[in-house]
Amino acid sequence: MIQLTQDLPTLVLTLFLPFARISAMVMTLPIFGTQLVPAKIKIMLSLALTFIVASMGNIQAPSTVDPSVISIFLSLVYQIIIGVIFGLIIHIIFQAFNVAGQIIAMQMGLGFAQLVDPQSGISVPAVSQFYMMVATLLYLSMNGHLFVVSAIIESFNTLPAVINAYKLIPFEDIMHLGSVMFIYGLKIALPAVVALLVTNIAFGVMTKAAPQLNIFTIGFSISMLIGIALIWVNLAFMLPQFNELTEDTHTTLAALFQ
């Protein structure tokens, strides 16, 4: 438990490492770390979470031995790495929908319709942006952001933010989540991809049977209309995939520093 009666340098050092971990997580989270959220809001949120963690007794005071500058710097870098890992793991949920949207957009001919993603700052297809908006609403509706906050608070019990306190990070599990992102992205897009593939095969048969038809004129419009209809139909099958992906990601995040 942090005591306010401590001298100022000790109190600052005690709160600085937890603040580094929490702020790194906030800066990399898909929802709070976007460019749309001002930096002042991110800093205030990080400070609020740091004082909440300190009031709950999850932060340990440093030892009486004066640490060196190198040990403080290494501990600071380690806390930042932990916070970034927390944010990147949550990013996997949303990037799976981004991958699914890109696959569907390329199949229906809307790959050229690009929008700037406020979360990453890069151009993504409009279908991907729509899917990520749906994923954001689903994640907030299931209180996923509260789980992330509870997970970062619980991490201070298993891995205290003190000088020279290190633990091996299981990078194998984190890299495995990268493959999970592509697997679930393909699962989400698979119904639309199969339907559009059948549509393209039908266009090929029509072109062979009636060569006088300009398939490039009517095929693009029909593919786009069918793709939009499939996106609407595919929304009903998206929730089970989202729940399964979120459960796998949260399980890995909860067991990351056990």
C-alpha atoms as a PDB file:
ATOM      1  CA  MET A   1       0.000   0.000   0.000  1.00  0.00           C
ATOM      2  CA  ILE A   2       1.375   3.399  -1.006  1.00  0.00           C
ATOM      3  CA  GLN A   3       1.679   5.879   1.837  1.00  0.00           C
ATOM      4  CA  LEU A   4       1.442   9.583   1.063  1.00  0.00           C
ATOM      5  CA  THR A   5       3.746  10.237   4.001  1.00  0.00           C
ATOM      6  CA  GLN A   6       6.709   8.958   1.999  1.00  0.00           C
ATOM      7  CA  ASP A   7       9.249  11.474   0.799  1.00  0.00           C
ATOM      8  CA  LEU A   8       8.561  12.951  -2.626  1.00  0.00           C
ATOM      9  CA  PRO A   9      11.379  11.197  -4.609  1.00  0.00           C
ATOM     10  CA  THR A  10      10.336   7.791  -3.263  1.00  0.00           C
ATOM     11  CA  LEU A  11       6.672   8.457  -3.987  1.00  0.00           C
ATOM     12  CA  VAL A  12       7.426   9.595  -7.552  1.00  0.00           C
ATOM     13  CA  LEU A  13       9.632   6.563  -8.193  1.00  0.00           C
ATOM     14  CA  THR A  14       6.961   4.272  -6.776  1.00  0.00           C
ATOM     15  CA  LEU A  15       4.242   5.631  -9.073  1.00  0.00           C
ATOM     16  CA  PHE A  16       6.409   6.218 -12.140  1.00  0.00           C
ATOM     17  CA  LEU A  17       6.866   2.581 -13.175  1.00  0.00           C
ATOM     18  CA  PRO A  18       3.145   1.681 -12.864  1.00  0.00           C
ATOM     19  CA  PHE A  19       2.309   4.846 -14.782  1.00  0.00           C
ATOM     20  CA  ALA A  20       4.693   3.762 -17.558  1.00  0.00           C
ATOM     21  CA  ARG A  21       2.965   0.386 -17.874  1.00  0.00           C
ATOM     22  CA  ILE A  22      -0.556   1.811 -17.812  1.00  0.00           C
ATOM     23  CA  SER A  23       0.182   4.713 -20.154  1.00  0.00           C
ATOM     24  CA  ALA A  24       1.843   2.386 -22.673  1.00  0.00           C
ATOM     25  CA  MET A  25      -1.271   0.217 -22.622  1.00  0.00           C
ATOM     26  CA  VAL A  26      -3.604   3.207 -23.037  1.00  0.00           C
ATOM     27  CA  MET A  27      -1.547   4.577 -25.940  1.00  0.00           C
ATOM     28  CA  THR A  28      -1.763   1.269 -27.833  1.00  0.00           C
ATOM     29  CA  LEU A  29      -5.348   0.218 -27.084  1.00  0.00           C
ATOM     30  CA  PRO A  30      -7.609   0.083 -30.154  1.00  0.00           C
ATOM     31  CA  ILE A  31     -10.307   2.357 -28.702  1.00  0.00           C
ATOM     32  CA  PHE A  32      -8.548   4.742 -26.315  1.00  0.00           C
ATOM     33  CA  GLY A  33      -5.263   4.873 -28.208  1.00  0.00           C
ATOM     34  CA  THR A  34      -6.682   6.195 -31.479  1.00  0.00           C
ATOM     35  CA  GLN A  35      -5.711   9.521 -32.994  1.00  0.00           C
ATOM     36  CA  LEU A  36      -9.230  10.795 -32.300  1.00  0.00           C
ATOM     37  CA  VAL A  37      -8.584  10.768 -28.540  1.00  0.00           C
ATOM     38  CA  PRO A  38      -6.482  13.789 -27.451  1.00  0.00           C
ATOM     39  CA  ALA A  39      -3.160  13.105 -25.760  1.00  0.00           C
ATOM     40  CA  LYS A  40      -4.295  15.014 -22.650  1.00  0.00           C
ATOM     41  CA  ILE A  41      -7.219  12.610 -22.214  1.00  0.00           C
ATOM     42  CA  LYS A  42      -4.874   9.623 -22.506  1.00  0.00           C
ATOM     43  CA  ILE A  43      -2.501  11.060 -19.906  1.00  0.00           C
ATOM     44  CA  MET A  44      -5.330  11.905 -17.515  1.00  0.00           C
ATOM     45  CA  LEU A  45      -6.797   8.413 -17.912  1.00  0.00           C
ATOM     46  CA  SER A  46      -3.388   6.846 -17.262  1.00  0.00           C
ATOM     47  CA  LEU A  47      -2.881   8.958 -14.153  1.00  0.00           C
ATOM     48  CA  ALA A  48      -6.360   8.102 -12.874  1.00  0.00           C
ATOM     49  CA  LEU A  49      -5.760   4.380 -13.334  1.00  0.00           C
ATOM     50  CA  THR A  50      -2.358   4.658 -11.665  1.00  0.00           C
ATOM     51  CA  PHE A  51      -3.806   6.281  -8.548  1.00  0.00           C
ATOM     52  CA  ILE A  52      -6.644   3.731  -8.509  1.00  0.00           C
ATOM     53  CA  VAL A  53      -4.115   0.903  -8.571  1.00  0.00           C
ATOM     54  CA  ALA A  54      -2.104   2.600  -5.837  1.00  0.00           C
ATOM     55  CA  SER A  55      -5.180   3.054  -3.655  1.00  0.00           C
ATOM     56  CA  MET A  56      -6.019  -0.643  -4.014  1.00  0.00           C
ATOM     57  CA  GLY A  57      -2.619  -1.631  -2.683  1.00  0.00           C
ATOM     58  CA  ASN A  58      -1.441  -3.284  -5.902  1.00  0.00           C
ATOM     59  CA  ILE A  59       1.740  -1.198  -6.074  1.00  0.00           C
ATOM     60  CA  GLN A  60       4.739  -2.044  -3.940  1.00  0.00           C
ATOM     61  CA  ALA A  61       7.130   0.553  -2.640  1.00  0.00           C
ATOM     62  CA  PRO A  62      10.749   0.345  -3.829  1.00  0.00           C
ATOM     63  CA  SER A  63      13.458  -1.073  -1.645  1.00  0.00           C
ATOM     64  CA  THR A  64      15.549   1.121   0.579  1.00  0.00           C
ATOM     65  CA  VAL A  65      18.610   0.515  -1.588  1.00  0.00           C
ATOM     66  CA  ASP A  66      19.149   3.409  -3.966  1.00  0.00           C
ATOM     67  CA  PRO A  67      18.777   2.020  -7.509  1.00  0.00           C
ATOM     68  CA  SER A  68      21.164   2.963 -10.275  1.00  0.00           C
ATOM     69  CA  VAL A  69      20.179   4.911 -13.361  1.00  0.00           C
ATOM     70  CA  ILE A  70      20.666   1.833 -15.545  1.00  0.00           C
ATOM     71  CA  SER A  71      18.366  -0.328 -13.404  1.00  0.00           C
ATOM     72  CA  ILE A  72      15.683   2.404 -13.454  1.00  0.00           C
ATOM     73  CA  PHE A  73      15.977   2.710 -17.227  1.00  0.00           C
ATOM     74  CA  LEU A  74      15.785  -1.059 -17.799  1.00  0.00           C
ATOM     75  CA  SER A  75      12.805  -1.370 -15.470  1.00  0.00           C
ATOM     76  CA  LEU A  76      11.086   1.491 -17.274  1.00  0.00           C
ATOM     77  CA  VAL A  77      11.619  -0.146 -20.668  1.00  0.00           C
ATOM     78  CA  TYR A  78      10.302  -3.439 -19.297  1.00  0.00           C
ATOM     79  CA  GLN A  79       7.125  -1.791 -17.995  1.00  0.00           C
ATOM     80  CA  ILE A  80       6.569  -0.093 -21.353  1.00  0.00           C
ATOM     81  CA  ILE A  81       6.954  -3.436 -23.140  1.00  0.00           C
ATOM     82  CA  ILE A  82       4.341  -5.016 -20.874  1.00  0.00           C
ATOM     83  CA  GLY A  83       1.876  -2.194 -21.529  1.00  0.00           C
ATOM     84  CA  VAL A  84       2.434  -2.334 -25.286  1.00  0.00           C
ATOM     85  CA  ILE A  85       1.861  -6.098 -25.249  1.00  0.00           C
ATOM     86  CA  PHE A  86      -1.477  -5.593 -23.492  1.00  0.00           C
ATOM     87  CA  GLY A  87      -2.602  -3.129 -26.148  1.00  0.00           C
ATOM     88  CA  LEU A  88      -1.358  -5.213 -29.091  1.00  0.00           C
ATOM     89  CA  ILE A  89      -3.158  -8.327 -27.873  1.00  0.00           C
ATOM     90  CA  ILE A  90      -6.460  -6.431 -27.855  1.00  0.00           C
ATOM     91  CA  HIS A  91      -5.608  -5.119 -31.326  1.00  0.00           C
ATOM     92  CA  ILE A  92      -5.728  -8.698 -32.612  1.00  0.00           C
ATOM     93  CA  ILE A  93      -9.514  -8.815 -32.091  1.00  0.00           C
ATOM     94  CA  PHE A  94     -10.072  -5.780 -34.275  1.00  0.00           C
ATOM     95  CA  GLN A  95      -7.439  -6.608 -36.875  1.00  0.00           C
ATOM     96  CA  ALA A  96      -9.143  -9.956 -37.504  1.00  0.00           C
ATOM     97  CA  PHE A  97     -12.188  -8.027 -38.688  1.00  0.00           C
ATOM     98  CA  ASN A  98      -9.905  -5.760 -40.684  1.00  0.00           C
ATOM     99  CA  VAL A  99      -8.479  -8.792 -42.490  1.00  0.00           C
ATOM    100  CA  ALA A 100     -11.980 -10.140 -43.130  1.00  0.00           C
ATOM    101  CA  GLY A 101     -13.098  -6.815 -44.578  1.00  0.00           C
ATOM    102  CA  GLN A 102     -10.079  -6.626 -46.869  1.00  0.00           C
ATOM    103  CA  ILE A 103     -10.719 -10.138 -48.199  1.00  0.00           C
ATOM    104  CA  ILE A 104     -14.388  -9.409 -48.890  1.00  0.00           C
ATOM    105  CA  ALA A 105     -13.615  -6.009 -50.426  1.00  0.00           C
ATOM    106  CA  MET A 106     -11.135  -7.520 -52.872  1.00  0.00           C
ATOM    107  CA  GLN A 107     -13.616 -10.226 -53.896  1.00  0.00           C
ATOM    108  CA  MET A 108     -16.521  -7.834 -54.484  1.00  0.00           C
ATOM    109  CA  GLY A 109     -14.448  -5.223 -56.298  1.00  0.00           C
ATOM    110  CA  LEU A 110     -14.389  -2.539 -53.600  1.00  0.00           C
ATOM    111  CA  GLY A 111     -10.724  -2.832 -52.755  1.00  0.00           C
ATOM    112  CA  PHE A 112     -10.097   0.584 -54.283  1.00  0.00           C
ATOM    113  CA  ALA A 113     -12.623   2.288 -51.953  1.00  0.00           C
ATOM    114  CA  GLN A 114     -10.196   3.324 -49.219  1.00  0.00           C
ATOM    115  CA  LEU A 115     -10.832   5.178 -45.965  1.00  0.00           C
ATOM    116  CA  VAL A 116      -8.384   6.402 -43.368  1.00  0.00           C
ATOM    117  CA  ASP A 117      -8.599   4.226 -40.282  1.00  0.00           C
ATOM    118  CA  PRO A 118      -8.529   6.488 -37.179  1.00  0.00           C
ATOM    119  CA  GLN A 119      -7.107   3.660 -35.068  1.00  0.00           C
ATOM    120  CA  SER A 120      -4.021   2.957 -37.176  1.00  0.00           C
ATOM    121  CA  GLY A 121      -3.821   6.080 -39.341  1.00  0.00           C
ATOM    122  CA  ILE A 122      -3.517   4.089 -42.574  1.00  0.00           C
ATOM    123  CA  SER A 123      -5.908   3.625 -45.483  1.00  0.00           C
ATOM    124  CA  VAL A 124      -8.123   0.530 -45.327  1.00  0.00           C
ATOM    125  CA  PRO A 125     -11.064  -0.587 -47.502  1.00  0.00           C
ATOM    126  CA  ALA A 126     -14.468   0.786 -46.596  1.00  0.00           C
ATOM    127  CA  VAL A 127     -15.690  -2.748 -45.821  1.00  0.00           C
ATOM    128  CA  SER A 128     -12.861  -3.198 -43.299  1.00  0.00           C
ATOM    129  CA  GLN A 129     -13.737   0.102 -41.662  1.00  0.00           C
ATOM    130  CA  PHE A 130     -17.378  -0.992 -41.363  1.00  0.00           C
ATOM    131  CA  TYR A 131     -16.384  -4.330 -39.844  1.00  0.00           C
ATOM    132  CA  MET A 132     -14.068  -2.646 -37.343  1.00  0.00           C
ATOM    133  CA  MET A 133     -16.848  -0.263 -36.307  1.00  0.00           C
ATOM    134  CA  VAL A 134     -19.101  -3.267 -35.685  1.00  0.00           C
ATOM    135  CA  ALA A 135     -16.334  -4.979 -33.701  1.00  0.00           C
ATOM    136  CA  THR A 136     -15.833  -1.817 -31.620  1.00  0.00           C
ATOM    137  CA  LEU A 137     -19.526  -1.621 -30.742  1.00  0.00           C
ATOM    138  CA  LEU A 138     -19.636  -5.316 -29.867  1.00  0.00           C
ATOM    139  CA  TYR A 139     -16.531  -5.057 -27.713  1.00  0.00           C
ATOM    140  CA  LEU A 140     -17.854  -2.076 -25.791  1.00  0.00           C
ATOM    141  CA  SER A 141     -21.284  -3.669 -25.363  1.00  0.00           C
ATOM    142  CA  MET A 142     -19.739  -6.738 -23.724  1.00  0.00           C
ATOM    143  CA  ASN A 143     -17.630  -4.555 -21.377  1.00  0.00           C
ATOM    144  CA  GLY A 144     -14.387  -5.664 -22.951  1.00  0.00           C
ATOM    145  CA  HIS A 145     -12.730  -2.369 -21.991  1.00  0.00           C
ATOM    146  CA  LEU A 146     -13.505  -3.082 -18.337  1.00  0.00           C
ATOM    147  CA  PHE A 147     -11.847  -6.478 -18.655  1.00  0.00           C
ATOM    148  CA  VAL A 148      -8.694  -4.827 -19.999  1.00  0.00           C
ATOM    149  CA  VAL A 149      -8.621  -2.419 -17.060  1.00  0.00           C
ATOM    150  CA  SER A 150      -9.096  -5.266 -14.563  1.00  0.00           C
ATOM    151  CA  ALA A 151      -6.384  -7.307 -16.322  1.00  0.00           C
ATOM    152  CA  ILE A 152      -3.815  -4.495 -16.141  1.00  0.00           C
ATOM    153  CA  ILE A 153      -4.667  -3.942 -12.462  1.00  0.00           C
ATOM    154  CA  GLU A 154      -4.363  -7.655 -11.708  1.00  0.00           C
ATOM    155  CA  SER A 155      -0.979  -7.768 -13.474  1.00  0.00           C
ATOM    156  CA  PHE A 156       0.527  -5.707 -10.639  1.00  0.00           C
ATOM    157  CA  ASN A 157      -0.215  -8.575  -8.225  1.00  0.00           C
ATOM    158  CA  THR A 158       1.554 -11.214 -10.303  1.00  0.00           C
ATOM    159  CA  LEU A 159       4.298  -8.921 -11.629  1.00  0.00           C
ATOM    160  CA  PRO A 160       4.958  -5.940  -9.329  1.00  0.00           C
ATOM    161  CA  ALA A 161       6.238  -2.750 -10.929  1.00  0.00           C
ATOM    162  CA  VAL A 162       9.431  -2.416  -8.912  1.00  0.00           C
ATOM    163  CA  ILE A 163      13.063  -1.973  -9.791  1.00  0.00           C
ATOM    164  CA  ASN A 164      14.843  -5.100 -11.110  1.00  0.00           C
ATOM    165  CA  ALA A 165      11.655  -7.224 -11.057  1.00  0.00           C
ATOM    166  CA  TYR A 166      11.600  -9.120 -14.339  1.00  0.00           C
ATOM    167  CA  LYS A 167       9.748 -12.126 -15.638  1.00  0.00           C
ATOM    168  CA  LEU A 168      10.095 -13.981 -18.915  1.00  0.00           C
ATOM    169  CA  ILE A 169       7.448 -12.861 -21.383  1.00  0.00           C
ATOM    170  CA  PRO A 170       5.888 -15.804 -23.333  1.00  0.00           C
ATOM    171  CA  PHE A 171       6.388 -14.397 -26.828  1.00  0.00           C
ATOM    172  CA  GLU A 172       5.384 -17.780 -28.307  1.00  0.00           C
ATOM    173  CA  ASP A 173       1.797 -17.312 -27.119  1.00  0.00           C
ATOM    174  CA  ILE A 174       1.741 -13.761 -28.449  1.00  0.00           C
ATOM    175  CA  MET A 175       3.002 -14.860 -31.871  1.00  0.00           C
ATOM    176  CA  HIS A 176       0.413 -17.634 -31.880  1.00  0.00           C
ATOM    177  CA  LEU A 177      -2.290 -14.988 -31.567  1.00  0.00           C
ATOM    178  CA  GLY A 178      -0.990 -13.486 -34.809  1.00  0.00           C
ATOM    179  CA  SER A 179      -1.917 -16.666 -36.653  1.00  0.00           C
ATOM    180  CA  VAL A 180      -5.260 -16.715 -34.819  1.00  0.00           C
ATOM    181  CA  MET A 181      -5.971 -13.259 -36.247  1.00  0.00           C
ATOM    182  CA  PHE A 182      -5.677 -14.510 -39.834  1.00  0.00           C
ATOM    183  CA  ILE A 183      -7.609 -17.710 -39.074  1.00  0.00           C
ATOM    184  CA  TYR A 184     -10.608 -15.857 -37.636  1.00  0.00           C
ATOM    185  CA  GLY A 185     -10.397 -13.232 -40.362  1.00  0.00           C
ATOM    186  CA  LEU A 186     -10.753 -15.964 -42.944  1.00  0.00           C
ATOM    187  CA  LYS A 187     -13.568 -17.606 -40.973  1.00  0.00           C
ATOM    188  CA  ILE A 188     -15.533 -14.369 -40.854  1.00  0.00           C
ATOM    189  CA  ALA A 189     -15.053 -13.709 -44.571  1.00  0.00           C
ATOM    190  CA  LEU A 190     -15.464 -17.305 -45.754  1.00  0.00           C
ATOM    191  CA  PRO A 191     -19.259 -17.288 -46.417  1.00  0.00           C
ATOM    192  CA  ALA A 192     -19.027 -14.130 -48.513  1.00  0.00           C
ATOM    193  CA  VAL A 193     -15.912 -15.347 -50.324  1.00  0.00           C
ATOM    194  CA  VAL A 194     -17.545 -18.645 -51.284  1.00  0.00           C
ATOM    195  CA  ALA A 195     -20.717 -16.920 -52.485  1.00  0.00           C
ATOM    196  CA  LEU A 196     -18.748 -14.400 -54.554  1.00  0.00           C
ATOM    197  CA  LEU A 197     -16.641 -17.199 -55.992  1.00  0.00           C
ATOM    198  CA  VAL A 198     -19.782 -18.983 -57.174  1.00  0.00           C
ATOM    199  CA  THR A 199     -20.976 -15.671 -58.650  1.00  0.00           C
ATOM    200  CA  ASN A 200     -17.726 -15.199 -60.574  1.00  0.00           C
ATOM    201  CA  ILE A 201     -17.958 -18.764 -61.886  1.00  0.00           C
ATOM    202  CA  ALA A 202     -21.492 -18.007 -63.080  1.00  0.00           C
ATOM    203  CA  PHE A 203     -20.189 -14.894 -64.854  1.00  0.00           C
ATOM    204  CA  GLY A 204     -17.560 -17.013 -66.565  1.00  0.00           C
ATOM    205  CA  VAL A 205     -20.199 -19.465 -67.808  1.00  0.00           C
ATOM    206  CA  MET A 206     -22.326 -16.555 -69.071  1.00  0.00           C
ATOM    207  CA  THR A 207     -19.350 -15.093 -70.931  1.00  0.00           C
ATOM    208  CA  LYS A 208     -18.658 -18.438 -72.570  1.00  0.00           C
ATOM    209  CA  ALA A 209     -22.306 -18.933 -73.538  1.00  0.00           C
ATOM    210  CA  ALA A 210     -22.915 -15.366 -74.730  1.00  0.00           C
ATOM    211  CA  PRO A 211     -19.646 -13.673 -75.746  1.00  0.00           C
ATOM    212  CA  GLN A 212     -21.494 -10.568 -76.934  1.00  0.00           C
ATOM    213  CA  LEU A 213     -22.315  -9.627 -73.312  1.00  0.00           C
ATOM    214  CA  ASN A 214     -19.961  -7.076 -71.779  1.00  0.00           C
ATOM    215  CA  ILE A 215     -19.272  -8.927 -68.569  1.00  0.00           C
ATOM    216  CA  PHE A 216     -17.001  -6.167 -67.239  1.00  0.00           C
ATOM    217  CA  THR A 217     -19.898  -3.704 -67.314  1.00  0.00           C
ATOM    218  CA  ILE A 218     -22.595  -5.790 -65.669  1.00  0.00           C
ATOM    219  CA  GLY A 219     -20.330  -8.077 -63.658  1.00  0.00           C
ATOM    220  CA  PHE A 220     -18.893  -5.337 -61.472  1.00  0.00           C
ATOM    221  CA  SER A 221     -22.304  -3.938 -60.536  1.00  0.00           C
ATOM    222  CA  ILE A 222     -23.780  -7.361 -59.808  1.00  0.00           C
ATOM    223  CA  SER A 223     -20.737  -8.430 -57.756  1.00  0.00           C
ATOM    224  CA  MET A 224     -20.923  -5.262 -55.690  1.00  0.00           C
ATOM    225  CA  LEU A 225     -24.663  -5.644 -55.031  1.00  0.00           C
ATOM    226  CA  ILE A 226     -24.267  -9.303 -54.111  1.00  0.00           C
ATOM    227  CA  GLY A 227     -21.328  -8.433 -51.866  1.00  0.00           C
ATOM    228  CA  ILE A 228     -23.300  -5.784 -50.002  1.00  0.00           C
ATOM    229  CA  ALA A 229     -26.164  -8.243 -49.507  1.00  0.00           C
ATOM    230  CA  LEU A 230     -23.719 -10.868 -48.245  1.00  0.00           C
ATOM    231  CA  ILE A 231     -22.200  -8.407 -45.772  1.00  0.00           C
ATOM    232  CA  TRP A 232     -25.687  -7.819 -44.364  1.00  0.00           C
ATOM    233  CA  VAL A 233     -26.410 -11.558 -44.168  1.00  0.00           C
ATOM    234  CA  ASN A 234     -22.962 -12.283 -42.703  1.00  0.00           C
ATOM    235  CA  LEU A 235     -23.639 -10.040 -39.714  1.00  0.00           C
ATOM    236  CA  ALA A 236     -25.828 -12.767 -38.218  1.00  0.00           C
ATOM    237  CA  PHE A 237     -22.895 -15.218 -38.268  1.00  0.00           C
ATOM    238  CA  MET A 238     -20.340 -12.699 -36.977  1.00  0.00           C
ATOM    239  CA  LEU A 239     -21.303 -12.748 -33.297  1.00  0.00           C
ATOM    240  CA  PRO A 240     -20.279 -16.382 -32.581  1.00  0.00           C
ATOM    241  CA  GLN A 241     -16.912 -15.802 -34.250  1.00  0.00           C
ATOM    242  CA  PHE A 242     -16.458 -12.580 -32.294  1.00  0.00           C
ATOM    243  CA  ASN A 243     -17.260 -14.279 -28.985  1.00  0.00           C
ATOM    244  CA  GLU A 244     -14.848 -17.122 -29.689  1.00  0.00           C
ATOM    245  CA  LEU A 245     -12.049 -14.802 -30.775  1.00  0.00           C
ATOM    246  CA  THR A 246     -12.559 -12.516 -27.768  1.00  0.00           C
ATOM    247  CA  GLU A 247     -12.561 -15.454 -25.378  1.00  0.00           C
ATOM    248  CA  ASP A 248      -9.303 -16.829 -26.797  1.00  0.00           C
ATOM    249  CA  THR A 249      -7.651 -13.409 -26.690  1.00  0.00           C
ATOM    250  CA  HIS A 250      -8.796 -12.606 -23.158  1.00  0.00           C
ATOM    251  CA  THR A 251      -7.697 -16.040 -21.939  1.00  0.00           C
ATOM    252  CA  THR A 252      -4.220 -15.486 -23.324  1.00  0.00           C
ATOM    253  CA  LEU A 253      -4.119 -11.984 -21.859  1.00  0.00           C
ATOM    254  CA  ALA A 254      -5.242 -13.156 -18.409  1.00  0.00           C
ATOM    255  CA  ALA A 255      -2.683 -15.983 -18.341  1.00  0.00           C
ATOM    256  CA  LEU A 256       0.137 -13.921 -19.790  1.00  0.00           C
ATOM    257  CA  PHE A 257       1.922 -13.136 -16.531  1.00  0.00           C
ATOM    258  CA  GLN A 258       0.500 -15.796 -14.246  1.00  0.00           C
END
